[in-house]
Protein backbone atom coordinates (compact mmCIF):
# COMPACT_ATOMS: atom_id res chain seq x y z
CA MET A 1 4.99 16.52 5.28
CA ALA A 2 5.99 13.20 4.27
CA GLU A 3 9.70 12.34 4.42
CA GLU A 4 11.75 12.19 1.25
CA ARG A 5 13.63 8.92 1.31
CA LYS A 6 14.85 7.06 -2.11
CA ILE A 7 11.47 4.93 -2.25
CA ILE A 8 11.62 3.47 -5.90
CA VAL A 9 8.98 1.04 -7.65
CA LEU A 10 10.19 -0.79 -10.56
CA LEU A 11 7.29 -2.00 -12.85
CA GLY A 12 7.58 -4.05 -16.06
CA PRO A 13 6.35 -7.56 -17.19
CA PRO A 14 8.04 -10.92 -15.75
CA GLY A 15 11.86 -11.19 -17.46
CA CYS A 16 11.93 -7.44 -18.51
CA GLY A 17 15.10 -7.34 -15.89
CA LYS A 18 13.76 -5.46 -13.10
CA GLY A 19 15.46 -7.78 -10.65
CA THR A 20 19.19 -7.07 -12.48
CA GLN A 21 18.25 -3.47 -12.61
CA ALA A 22 17.26 -3.67 -8.74
CA ARG A 23 20.52 -5.02 -7.72
CA LEU A 24 22.69 -2.69 -9.54
CA ILE A 25 20.37 0.16 -8.05
CA ALA A 26 20.77 -1.01 -4.44
CA LYS A 27 24.56 -1.07 -4.92
CA ALA A 28 24.76 2.22 -6.47
CA LEU A 29 22.33 4.05 -3.86
CA SER A 30 23.09 1.60 -0.71
CA ILE A 31 19.38 0.93 -0.31
CA PRO A 32 17.84 -2.69 -0.15
CA GLN A 33 16.16 -4.40 -2.97
CA ILE A 34 13.00 -6.03 -1.86
CA SER A 35 11.55 -8.67 -4.33
CA THR A 36 8.09 -9.91 -3.57
CA GLY A 37 9.00 -12.93 -5.97
CA ASP A 38 11.94 -13.82 -3.93
CA MET A 39 10.36 -13.43 -0.68
CA LEU A 40 7.48 -15.88 -1.87
CA ARG A 41 10.04 -18.39 -3.49
CA ASP A 42 11.60 -18.18 0.13
CA GLU A 43 8.63 -18.95 2.09
CA ARG A 44 8.03 -21.97 -0.22
CA SER A 45 11.24 -23.25 0.02
CA ALA A 46 10.93 -22.85 3.79
CA GLY A 47 7.83 -24.81 3.44
CA THR A 48 5.90 -22.18 5.86
CA GLU A 49 2.02 -21.54 5.54
CA LEU A 50 2.69 -18.50 3.25
CA GLY A 51 4.76 -20.54 0.91
CA ARG A 52 2.34 -23.33 0.55
CA ARG A 53 -0.54 -21.19 -0.18
CA SER A 54 1.05 -18.89 -2.74
CA SER A 55 2.61 -22.02 -4.65
CA VAL A 56 -0.83 -22.91 -5.77
CA PHE A 57 -0.81 -19.62 -7.72
CA MET A 58 2.62 -19.06 -8.43
CA ASP A 59 3.13 -22.32 -10.36
CA LYS A 60 0.07 -21.75 -12.42
CA GLY A 61 1.80 -18.16 -13.44
CA GLU A 62 -1.00 -16.32 -11.47
CA LEU A 63 -0.65 -13.38 -9.29
CA VAL A 64 -0.51 -14.29 -5.54
CA PRO A 65 -3.65 -12.60 -3.82
CA ASP A 66 -3.16 -9.08 -2.40
CA GLU A 67 -3.86 -10.35 1.24
CA LEU A 68 -1.02 -12.61 1.43
CA ILE A 69 1.33 -9.91 0.13
CA LEU A 70 0.79 -6.42 1.91
CA ASP A 71 1.40 -7.46 5.18
CA MET A 72 4.47 -9.16 4.19
CA VAL A 73 5.85 -6.08 2.26
CA LYS A 74 4.58 -3.75 5.25
CA PHE A 75 6.54 -5.39 7.82
CA ARG A 76 9.97 -5.60 5.61
CA ILE A 77 9.80 -1.74 4.71
CA GLN A 78 9.78 -0.76 8.44
CA LYS A 79 13.22 -2.82 9.10
CA GLY A 80 16.16 -0.75 10.03
CA ASP A 81 18.03 -1.06 6.65
CA CYS A 82 14.98 0.80 4.81
CA ALA A 83 15.67 3.78 6.83
CA GLY A 84 17.11 5.68 3.69
CA GLY A 85 15.07 4.01 1.03
CA PHE A 86 14.03 1.00 -0.63
CA ILE A 87 13.61 -0.89 -4.19
CA LEU A 88 10.22 -2.55 -4.64
CA ASP A 89 10.81 -5.24 -7.13
CA GLY A 90 7.71 -6.98 -8.44
CA PHE A 91 5.19 -4.93 -6.13
CA PRO A 92 2.68 -3.42 -6.67
CA ARG A 93 1.32 -5.66 -9.37
CA THR A 94 -2.28 -4.54 -9.15
CA LEU A 95 -4.30 -1.42 -8.76
CA ALA A 96 -5.73 -2.46 -5.45
CA GLN A 97 -1.88 -3.22 -4.23
CA ALA A 98 -0.85 0.31 -5.46
CA THR A 99 -3.52 2.11 -3.63
CA ALA A 100 -2.70 0.14 -0.60
CA LEU A 101 0.86 0.70 -0.94
CA ASP A 102 -0.05 4.59 -0.87
CA GLU A 103 -1.96 3.85 2.23
CA THR A 104 0.66 2.15 4.01
CA LEU A 105 3.21 4.83 2.73
CA GLU A 106 1.28 7.91 3.96
CA SER A 107 0.63 5.93 7.63
CA LEU A 108 4.59 5.88 7.90
CA ASP A 109 4.75 9.57 6.57
CA LEU A 110 6.59 8.40 3.37
CA ARG A 111 6.19 8.56 -0.01
CA LEU A 112 7.43 7.37 -3.42
CA TRP A 113 10.67 9.06 -5.01
CA ARG A 114 10.67 7.51 -8.53
CA VAL A 115 8.55 5.02 -10.55
CA LEU A 116 10.71 3.23 -13.50
CA TYR A 117 8.62 1.09 -16.00
CA PHE A 118 10.82 -1.33 -18.23
CA ASP A 119 9.45 -1.85 -21.73
CA VAL A 120 10.35 -4.97 -23.42
CA PRO A 121 8.47 -6.73 -26.13
CA ASP A 122 6.60 -10.04 -25.27
CA ALA A 123 8.89 -12.07 -27.70
CA GLU A 124 11.78 -11.15 -26.41
CA ILE A 125 10.74 -11.71 -22.69
CA ILE A 126 9.54 -15.60 -23.64
CA GLU A 127 12.95 -16.00 -25.11
CA ARG A 128 14.69 -14.71 -22.05
CA ILE A 129 12.82 -16.62 -19.27
CA THR A 130 12.33 -19.91 -21.26
CA GLY A 131 15.81 -20.16 -21.82
CA ARG A 132 16.92 -19.62 -17.98
CA PHE A 133 18.68 -22.44 -16.09
CA SER A 134 19.96 -22.13 -12.55
CA CYS A 135 22.40 -24.32 -10.35
CA VAL A 136 20.94 -26.36 -7.52
CA LEU A 137 24.16 -25.96 -5.61
CA CYS A 138 25.49 -22.25 -6.08
CA GLY A 139 22.60 -20.75 -7.44
CA LYS A 140 23.97 -18.93 -10.50
CA ILE A 141 21.76 -18.36 -13.41
CA TYR A 142 22.64 -19.08 -17.17
CA HIS A 143 20.86 -18.57 -20.23
CA VAL A 144 21.26 -21.02 -23.18
CA THR A 145 21.52 -18.17 -25.67
CA PHE A 146 22.87 -15.06 -23.93
CA ASN A 147 24.71 -16.78 -21.07
CA PRO A 148 25.74 -20.47 -21.79
CA PRO A 149 26.68 -22.83 -19.08
CA PRO A 150 30.19 -24.98 -19.45
CA THR A 151 28.17 -27.86 -20.25
CA LYS A 152 24.62 -28.34 -20.96
CA ASP A 153 23.63 -29.77 -17.83
CA ASN A 154 26.17 -28.38 -15.50
CA CYS A 155 27.35 -25.20 -13.69
CA GLU A 156 30.94 -24.18 -13.57
CA CYS A 157 31.05 -25.43 -9.83
CA GLY A 158 29.69 -28.80 -11.07
CA GLY A 159 26.24 -28.41 -9.74
CA PHE A 160 23.56 -29.73 -11.84
CA LEU A 161 21.38 -27.17 -13.75
CA LEU A 162 17.49 -26.89 -13.62
CA GLN A 163 14.91 -24.98 -14.92
CA ARG A 164 12.02 -23.07 -12.69
CA PRO A 165 8.67 -24.84 -13.01
CA ASP A 166 7.39 -21.47 -13.78
CA ASP A 167 9.61 -20.72 -16.68
CA SER A 168 7.92 -22.93 -19.40
CA VAL A 169 6.61 -21.54 -22.32
CA ALA A 170 3.05 -22.26 -20.96
CA VAL A 171 3.33 -20.87 -17.78
CA VAL A 172 5.11 -17.52 -19.04
CA THR A 173 2.70 -17.01 -21.80
CA GLU A 174 0.20 -16.78 -18.86
CA ARG A 175 2.29 -14.73 -16.82
CA LEU A 176 2.32 -12.41 -19.49
CA ARG A 177 -1.86 -12.55 -20.09
CA VAL A 178 -2.07 -12.15 -16.43
CA TYR A 179 0.43 -8.81 -16.57
CA MET A 180 -1.58 -7.24 -19.30
CA GLU A 181 -4.97 -8.02 -17.53
CA SER A 182 -3.84 -7.20 -13.64
CA THR A 183 -0.65 -5.19 -13.87
CA ALA A 184 -0.40 -2.92 -16.95
CA PRO A 185 -3.43 -0.53 -15.51
CA VAL A 186 -0.59 0.39 -12.61
CA ILE A 187 1.35 2.02 -15.35
CA GLY A 188 -1.49 4.46 -16.03
CA TYR A 189 -1.86 4.95 -12.40
CA TYR A 190 1.59 6.05 -11.71
CA GLU A 191 1.99 7.65 -15.07
CA GLY A 192 -0.37 10.19 -14.20
CA ARG A 193 0.84 11.15 -10.70
CA GLY A 194 4.31 12.20 -12.13
CA ARG A 195 7.78 10.83 -11.14
CA PHE A 196 7.49 8.20 -13.72
CA THR A 197 9.94 7.04 -16.42
CA LYS A 198 9.49 4.56 -19.07
CA ILE A 199 13.01 2.57 -19.51
CA LEU A 200 13.48 0.89 -22.85
CA GLY A 201 14.83 -2.24 -22.24
CA GLY A 202 14.04 -4.42 -25.68
CA GLY A 203 17.22 -5.33 -27.15
CA LYS A 204 19.66 -3.56 -24.97
CA ALA A 205 22.48 -4.59 -22.98
CA ILE A 206 22.32 -4.50 -19.06
CA GLU A 207 24.99 -1.92 -19.06
CA GLU A 208 23.02 0.25 -21.62
CA VAL A 209 19.71 -0.15 -19.55
CA ASN A 210 21.44 1.10 -16.36
CA ARG A 211 23.02 4.14 -17.98
CA GLN A 212 18.93 5.12 -18.66
CA VAL A 213 18.26 4.09 -14.90
CA MET A 214 21.15 6.27 -13.35
CA ASP A 215 20.26 8.97 -15.50
CA VAL A 216 16.87 9.14 -14.10
CA LEU A 217 17.92 8.46 -10.48
CA ARG A 218 20.79 11.10 -10.02
């Protein structure tokens, strides 16, 4: 029988708040957050072969091919800090990845514990993402409307603020199109298998969304 660890999948379009909620869940349950997006960005910053190959797709708002993701995820979830469970933030993004994840977990005698889908309207997502800026020194993230910086161009630490290349309106719109085409069907895949919960994130504060999340995970 498959082992019951706290293995959680977070689904939802880019900018829906998965990353923020993943960090809160990780702290509450003492399990690691595994973000494929962060892992890929780290690879790109390090100038690795995977980083160079994936940036071609990331900068256009397209999905990175499965073969570049699957081995990375399988290697990561077998590390010691995942012994009690883990949170998959940004994976799986396609039906092929979802079925491959099932096969990987089965091969390790594991199974999913919960699947959470964050539902946020497209217009709100575009506003959230295109207004984001991060500090080149400390990495702190600001938003022009929801969390404005002390000055237009600088962080409180004095560092200069930049917007990620894939946070432009054109790229975000393309990311949402790709999401609807490739990732939304994953919702139906998990919805029909149980342990699936929709989290209403539109127009709600982080704390309010987190209350919904923790009610499901208790």
